[in-house]
N, C-alpha and C. Protein backbone atom coordinates (compact mmCIF):
# COMPACT_ATOMS: atom_id res chain seq x y z
N MET A 1 0.85 -1.17 0.00
CA MET A 1 0.00 0.00 0.00
C MET A 1 0.90 1.24 0.00
N PRO A 2 0.65 2.22 -0.91
CA PRO A 2 1.45 3.44 -0.90
C PRO A 2 1.32 4.19 0.42
N LYS A 3 2.39 4.93 0.78
CA LYS A 3 2.41 5.62 2.07
C LYS A 3 1.27 6.63 2.23
N ASP A 4 0.89 7.31 1.14
CA ASP A 4 -0.11 8.36 1.25
C ASP A 4 -1.54 7.85 1.17
N GLN A 5 -1.72 6.54 1.04
CA GLN A 5 -3.06 5.98 0.95
C GLN A 5 -3.53 5.50 2.32
N LYS A 6 -4.73 5.92 2.70
CA LYS A 6 -5.28 5.53 3.99
C LYS A 6 -5.76 4.08 3.94
N PRO A 7 -5.59 3.33 5.03
CA PRO A 7 -6.16 1.99 5.06
C PRO A 7 -7.69 2.08 5.11
N LEU A 8 -8.33 1.21 4.40
CA LEU A 8 -9.80 1.23 4.35
C LEU A 8 -10.34 0.28 5.40
N ARG A 9 -11.26 0.78 6.21
CA ARG A 9 -11.79 -0.04 7.31
C ARG A 9 -13.30 -0.20 7.25
N GLU A 10 -13.97 0.73 6.65
CA GLU A 10 -15.43 0.69 6.62
C GLU A 10 -15.92 0.06 5.32
N ALA A 11 -17.06 -0.56 5.37
CA ALA A 11 -17.67 -1.15 4.18
C ALA A 11 -19.08 -0.58 4.03
N LEU A 12 -19.43 -0.28 2.80
CA LEU A 12 -20.75 0.24 2.50
C LEU A 12 -21.25 -0.49 1.27
N ASN A 13 -22.32 -1.22 1.42
CA ASN A 13 -22.87 -1.98 0.31
C ASN A 13 -23.98 -1.14 -0.33
N LEU A 14 -23.72 -0.67 -1.55
CA LEU A 14 -24.68 0.18 -2.25
C LEU A 14 -25.28 -0.54 -3.43
N ARG A 15 -26.55 -0.30 -3.64
CA ARG A 15 -27.19 -0.79 -4.86
C ARG A 15 -27.32 0.43 -5.78
N ILE A 16 -26.76 0.30 -6.98
CA ILE A 16 -26.84 1.40 -7.94
C ILE A 16 -27.48 0.88 -9.21
N ASP A 17 -28.07 1.80 -9.97
CA ASP A 17 -28.72 1.36 -11.21
C ASP A 17 -27.67 1.08 -12.29
N GLU A 18 -28.11 0.45 -13.33
CA GLU A 18 -27.22 0.00 -14.40
C GLU A 18 -26.51 1.17 -15.07
N THR A 19 -27.20 2.28 -15.25
CA THR A 19 -26.61 3.44 -15.92
C THR A 19 -25.48 4.03 -15.09
N LEU A 20 -25.68 4.18 -13.78
CA LEU A 20 -24.63 4.70 -12.92
C LEU A 20 -23.45 3.74 -12.86
N GLY A 21 -23.73 2.46 -12.79
CA GLY A 21 -22.67 1.46 -12.79
C GLY A 21 -21.83 1.52 -14.06
N ALA A 22 -22.50 1.70 -15.20
CA ALA A 22 -21.78 1.81 -16.47
C ALA A 22 -20.93 3.07 -16.50
N GLU A 23 -21.43 4.16 -15.93
CA GLU A 23 -20.66 5.41 -15.90
C GLU A 23 -19.44 5.27 -15.00
N ILE A 24 -19.59 4.62 -13.87
CA ILE A 24 -18.44 4.38 -12.98
C ILE A 24 -17.42 3.49 -13.67
N ASP A 25 -17.88 2.46 -14.37
CA ASP A 25 -16.97 1.59 -15.12
C ASP A 25 -16.24 2.37 -16.21
N ARG A 26 -16.95 3.26 -16.89
CA ARG A 26 -16.35 4.07 -17.96
C ARG A 26 -15.25 4.97 -17.40
N ILE A 27 -15.54 5.65 -16.28
CA ILE A 27 -14.55 6.54 -15.66
C ILE A 27 -13.36 5.73 -15.16
N ALA A 28 -13.63 4.58 -14.58
CA ALA A 28 -12.55 3.73 -14.07
C ALA A 28 -11.62 3.29 -15.20
N ALA A 29 -12.20 2.89 -16.32
CA ALA A 29 -11.38 2.47 -17.46
C ALA A 29 -10.56 3.65 -17.99
N LEU A 30 -11.15 4.81 -18.06
CA LEU A 30 -10.47 6.00 -18.54
C LEU A 30 -9.29 6.38 -17.64
N GLN A 31 -9.48 6.24 -16.33
CA GLN A 31 -8.44 6.62 -15.37
C GLN A 31 -7.49 5.48 -15.02
N GLY A 32 -7.79 4.28 -15.47
CA GLY A 32 -6.95 3.14 -15.15
C GLY A 32 -7.05 2.74 -13.68
N LYS A 33 -8.22 2.92 -13.11
CA LYS A 33 -8.46 2.57 -11.70
C LYS A 33 -9.56 1.53 -11.63
N SER A 34 -9.75 0.99 -10.43
CA SER A 34 -10.84 0.04 -10.25
C SER A 34 -12.15 0.80 -10.07
N PRO A 35 -13.27 0.17 -10.41
CA PRO A 35 -14.56 0.81 -10.17
C PRO A 35 -14.77 1.18 -8.69
N SER A 36 -14.23 0.38 -7.77
CA SER A 36 -14.36 0.69 -6.34
C SER A 36 -13.64 1.99 -6.00
N GLU A 37 -12.43 2.16 -6.54
CA GLU A 37 -11.68 3.40 -6.27
C GLU A 37 -12.44 4.61 -6.81
N VAL A 38 -12.94 4.50 -8.02
CA VAL A 38 -13.69 5.60 -8.63
C VAL A 38 -14.97 5.87 -7.84
N GLY A 39 -15.65 4.82 -7.44
CA GLY A 39 -16.87 4.99 -6.65
C GLY A 39 -16.60 5.72 -5.34
N ARG A 40 -15.49 5.38 -4.66
CA ARG A 40 -15.12 6.07 -3.42
C ARG A 40 -14.85 7.54 -3.68
N LEU A 41 -14.15 7.83 -4.78
CA LEU A 41 -13.84 9.22 -5.11
C LEU A 41 -15.12 10.01 -5.39
N LEU A 42 -16.01 9.43 -6.18
CA LEU A 42 -17.25 10.12 -6.51
C LEU A 42 -18.12 10.31 -5.27
N LEU A 43 -18.12 9.33 -4.38
CA LEU A 43 -18.87 9.45 -3.13
C LEU A 43 -18.30 10.57 -2.26
N SER A 44 -16.97 10.70 -2.25
CA SER A 44 -16.36 11.78 -1.47
C SER A 44 -16.71 13.14 -2.05
N TYR A 45 -16.79 13.23 -3.40
CA TYR A 45 -17.22 14.49 -4.01
C TYR A 45 -18.64 14.83 -3.58
N GLY A 46 -19.51 13.83 -3.58
CA GLY A 46 -20.90 14.06 -3.17
C GLY A 46 -20.99 14.49 -1.71
N ALA A 47 -20.16 13.91 -0.85
CA ALA A 47 -20.17 14.31 0.56
C ALA A 47 -19.72 15.76 0.70
N GLU A 48 -18.74 16.16 -0.10
CA GLU A 48 -18.28 17.56 -0.05
C GLU A 48 -19.38 18.51 -0.51
N VAL A 49 -20.09 18.13 -1.56
CA VAL A 49 -21.20 18.96 -2.04
C VAL A 49 -22.25 19.10 -0.95
N GLU A 50 -22.61 18.01 -0.30
CA GLU A 50 -23.62 18.06 0.76
C GLU A 50 -23.18 18.97 1.90
N ARG A 51 -21.90 18.89 2.28
CA ARG A 51 -21.39 19.75 3.36
C ARG A 51 -21.47 21.22 2.97
N ARG A 52 -21.17 21.53 1.72
CA ARG A 52 -21.25 22.92 1.26
C ARG A 52 -22.69 23.42 1.23
N LEU A 53 -23.61 22.55 0.84
CA LEU A 53 -25.03 22.94 0.87
C LEU A 53 -25.49 23.18 2.30
N GLU A 54 -25.03 22.33 3.21
CA GLU A 54 -25.38 22.51 4.62
C GLU A 54 -24.82 23.83 5.14
N ALA A 55 -23.58 24.14 4.78
CA ALA A 55 -22.98 25.41 5.20
C ALA A 55 -23.75 26.59 4.62
N GLN A 56 -24.19 26.46 3.39
CA GLN A 56 -24.98 27.53 2.77
C GLN A 56 -26.29 27.74 3.52
N ARG A 57 -26.94 26.65 3.89
CA ARG A 57 -28.20 26.76 4.65
C ARG A 57 -27.94 27.44 6.00
N LEU A 58 -26.86 27.06 6.66
CA LEU A 58 -26.56 27.62 7.97
C LEU A 58 -26.17 29.10 7.89
N MET A 59 -25.67 29.54 6.76
CA MET A 59 -25.27 30.93 6.60
C MET A 59 -26.47 31.86 6.37
N ARG A 60 -27.60 31.30 5.99
CA ARG A 60 -28.80 32.11 5.79
C ARG A 60 -29.35 32.54 7.15
N HIS A 61 -29.95 33.70 7.17
CA HIS A 61 -30.65 34.15 8.38
C HIS A 61 -31.78 33.17 8.66
N TYR A 62 -32.10 32.96 9.92
CA TYR A 62 -33.13 31.96 10.24
C TYR A 62 -34.47 32.31 9.62
N ASP A 63 -34.71 33.58 9.33
CA ASP A 63 -35.95 33.97 8.63
C ASP A 63 -35.90 33.66 7.14
N GLY A 64 -34.71 33.47 6.61
CA GLY A 64 -34.54 33.28 5.17
C GLY A 64 -34.44 31.85 4.73
N GLN A 65 -34.81 30.92 5.59
CA GLN A 65 -34.72 29.51 5.23
C GLN A 65 -35.79 29.15 4.20
N PHE A 66 -35.44 28.30 3.26
CA PHE A 66 -36.41 27.83 2.27
C PHE A 66 -37.22 26.70 2.88
N SER A 67 -38.50 26.68 2.61
CA SER A 67 -39.31 25.56 3.07
C SER A 67 -38.97 24.34 2.22
N SER A 68 -39.34 23.18 2.71
CA SER A 68 -39.05 21.95 1.97
C SER A 68 -39.86 21.86 0.68
N GLU A 69 -40.84 22.75 0.51
CA GLU A 69 -41.67 22.70 -0.68
C GLU A 69 -41.14 23.57 -1.80
N VAL A 70 -40.10 24.36 -1.55
CA VAL A 70 -39.53 25.22 -2.58
C VAL A 70 -38.71 24.35 -3.54
N ALA A 71 -39.04 24.45 -4.82
CA ALA A 71 -38.32 23.68 -5.84
C ALA A 71 -37.04 24.41 -6.22
N GLY A 72 -36.02 23.67 -6.55
CA GLY A 72 -34.76 24.28 -6.96
C GLY A 72 -33.82 23.23 -7.52
N ARG A 73 -32.61 23.64 -7.77
CA ARG A 73 -31.61 22.73 -8.31
C ARG A 73 -30.28 23.02 -7.63
N ILE A 74 -29.38 22.09 -7.72
CA ILE A 74 -28.03 22.27 -7.18
C ILE A 74 -27.10 22.56 -8.34
N VAL A 75 -26.35 23.64 -8.23
CA VAL A 75 -25.39 24.01 -9.26
C VAL A 75 -24.01 23.64 -8.75
N ILE A 76 -23.31 22.81 -9.52
CA ILE A 76 -21.98 22.38 -9.14
C ILE A 76 -21.00 22.91 -10.18
N GLN A 77 -19.95 23.57 -9.70
CA GLN A 77 -18.91 24.07 -10.60
C GLN A 77 -17.60 23.41 -10.20
N ALA A 78 -16.90 22.88 -11.18
CA ALA A 78 -15.61 22.25 -10.92
C ALA A 78 -14.67 22.63 -12.05
N GLU A 79 -13.42 22.82 -11.69
CA GLU A 79 -12.42 23.11 -12.71
C GLU A 79 -11.07 22.61 -12.23
N PHE A 80 -10.22 22.26 -13.17
CA PHE A 80 -8.86 21.86 -12.86
C PHE A 80 -8.01 23.11 -12.92
N VAL A 81 -7.27 23.37 -11.86
CA VAL A 81 -6.38 24.52 -11.82
C VAL A 81 -4.96 24.00 -11.60
N PRO A 82 -4.10 24.11 -12.61
CA PRO A 82 -2.74 23.59 -12.43
C PRO A 82 -1.98 24.44 -11.41
N TYR A 83 -1.03 23.79 -10.73
CA TYR A 83 -0.18 24.51 -9.80
C TYR A 83 0.71 25.49 -10.55
N THR A 84 0.99 26.62 -9.94
CA THR A 84 2.00 27.53 -10.49
C THR A 84 3.37 27.02 -10.05
N TRP A 85 4.41 27.49 -10.70
CA TRP A 85 5.77 27.08 -10.30
C TRP A 85 6.06 27.54 -8.89
N GLN A 86 5.51 28.67 -8.48
CA GLN A 86 5.70 29.15 -7.10
C GLN A 86 5.05 28.20 -6.11
N GLU A 87 3.86 27.71 -6.42
CA GLU A 87 3.19 26.75 -5.54
C GLU A 87 3.96 25.44 -5.47
N VAL A 88 4.49 24.99 -6.60
CA VAL A 88 5.27 23.76 -6.62
C VAL A 88 6.52 23.92 -5.75
N ALA A 89 7.20 25.06 -5.91
CA ALA A 89 8.40 25.32 -5.10
C ALA A 89 8.06 25.36 -3.62
N GLN A 90 6.94 25.97 -3.26
CA GLN A 90 6.53 26.05 -1.85
C GLN A 90 6.20 24.68 -1.31
N ARG A 91 5.48 23.86 -2.10
CA ARG A 91 5.15 22.50 -1.65
C ARG A 91 6.42 21.67 -1.47
N GLN A 92 7.38 21.82 -2.40
CA GLN A 92 8.64 21.09 -2.28
C GLN A 92 9.41 21.54 -1.03
N GLN A 93 9.42 22.85 -0.79
CA GLN A 93 10.10 23.37 0.40
C GLN A 93 9.43 22.83 1.67
N ASP A 94 8.11 22.84 1.70
CA ASP A 94 7.39 22.31 2.86
C ASP A 94 7.70 20.83 3.07
N PHE A 95 7.75 20.09 1.98
CA PHE A 95 8.06 18.67 2.07
C PHE A 95 9.48 18.46 2.60
N ASP A 96 10.42 19.23 2.06
CA ASP A 96 11.82 19.11 2.49
C ASP A 96 11.99 19.46 3.97
N LEU A 97 11.18 20.41 4.46
CA LEU A 97 11.26 20.82 5.86
C LEU A 97 10.45 19.92 6.79
N GLY A 98 9.73 18.97 6.22
CA GLY A 98 8.92 18.06 7.04
C GLY A 98 7.60 18.67 7.47
N ASN A 99 7.16 19.72 6.80
CA ASN A 99 5.91 20.40 7.19
C ASN A 99 4.67 19.76 6.61
N MET A 100 4.83 18.70 5.83
CA MET A 100 3.65 18.08 5.20
C MET A 100 2.92 17.14 6.17
N ASN A 101 3.47 16.95 7.37
CA ASN A 101 2.85 16.04 8.34
C ASN A 101 1.95 16.76 9.32
N ARG A 102 1.77 18.07 9.16
CA ARG A 102 0.93 18.80 10.09
C ARG A 102 0.14 19.86 9.33
N LEU A 103 -0.90 20.35 9.96
CA LEU A 103 -1.69 21.42 9.37
C LEU A 103 -1.05 22.76 9.69
N PRO A 104 -1.21 23.75 8.81
CA PRO A 104 -0.67 25.08 9.10
C PRO A 104 -1.29 25.67 10.36
N THR A 105 -0.51 26.47 11.05
CA THR A 105 -1.01 27.18 12.24
C THR A 105 -0.98 28.67 11.95
N TRP A 106 -1.53 29.47 12.87
CA TRP A 106 -1.50 30.92 12.71
C TRP A 106 -0.07 31.43 12.66
N ASP A 107 0.84 30.77 13.37
CA ASP A 107 2.24 31.18 13.34
C ASP A 107 2.85 31.01 11.95
N ASP A 108 2.34 30.05 11.18
CA ASP A 108 2.84 29.85 9.82
C ASP A 108 2.42 30.99 8.90
N LEU A 109 1.27 31.59 9.19
CA LEU A 109 0.78 32.67 8.36
C LEU A 109 1.44 34.00 8.65
N ALA A 110 1.77 34.25 9.90
CA ALA A 110 2.39 35.53 10.29
C ALA A 110 3.53 35.25 11.26
N PRO A 111 4.62 34.72 10.73
CA PRO A 111 5.74 34.37 11.63
C PRO A 111 6.43 35.59 12.21
């Protein structure tokens, strides 16, 4: 197992329709991964979307909440943004200094 990969401990048995299964298989073949790996990644994206929607609801004033009867849609925007050379250099410096094993602190922002 690669060092950066977390050990998997939980199991979730999902029933999906044939169309979604075919799409997961298509993405897996395109990426050279197993359908399980792709399914986990897509599920994590969905969890992130749900958390952002929850945060959006919590940011509204309590008087401004939508009732469950209000119809709407979820708009998802995604884009690939390549690293700049400055970001690559900073990541390499952080790695060389051993800073990749911890989260940044306020002292890191304003030393």
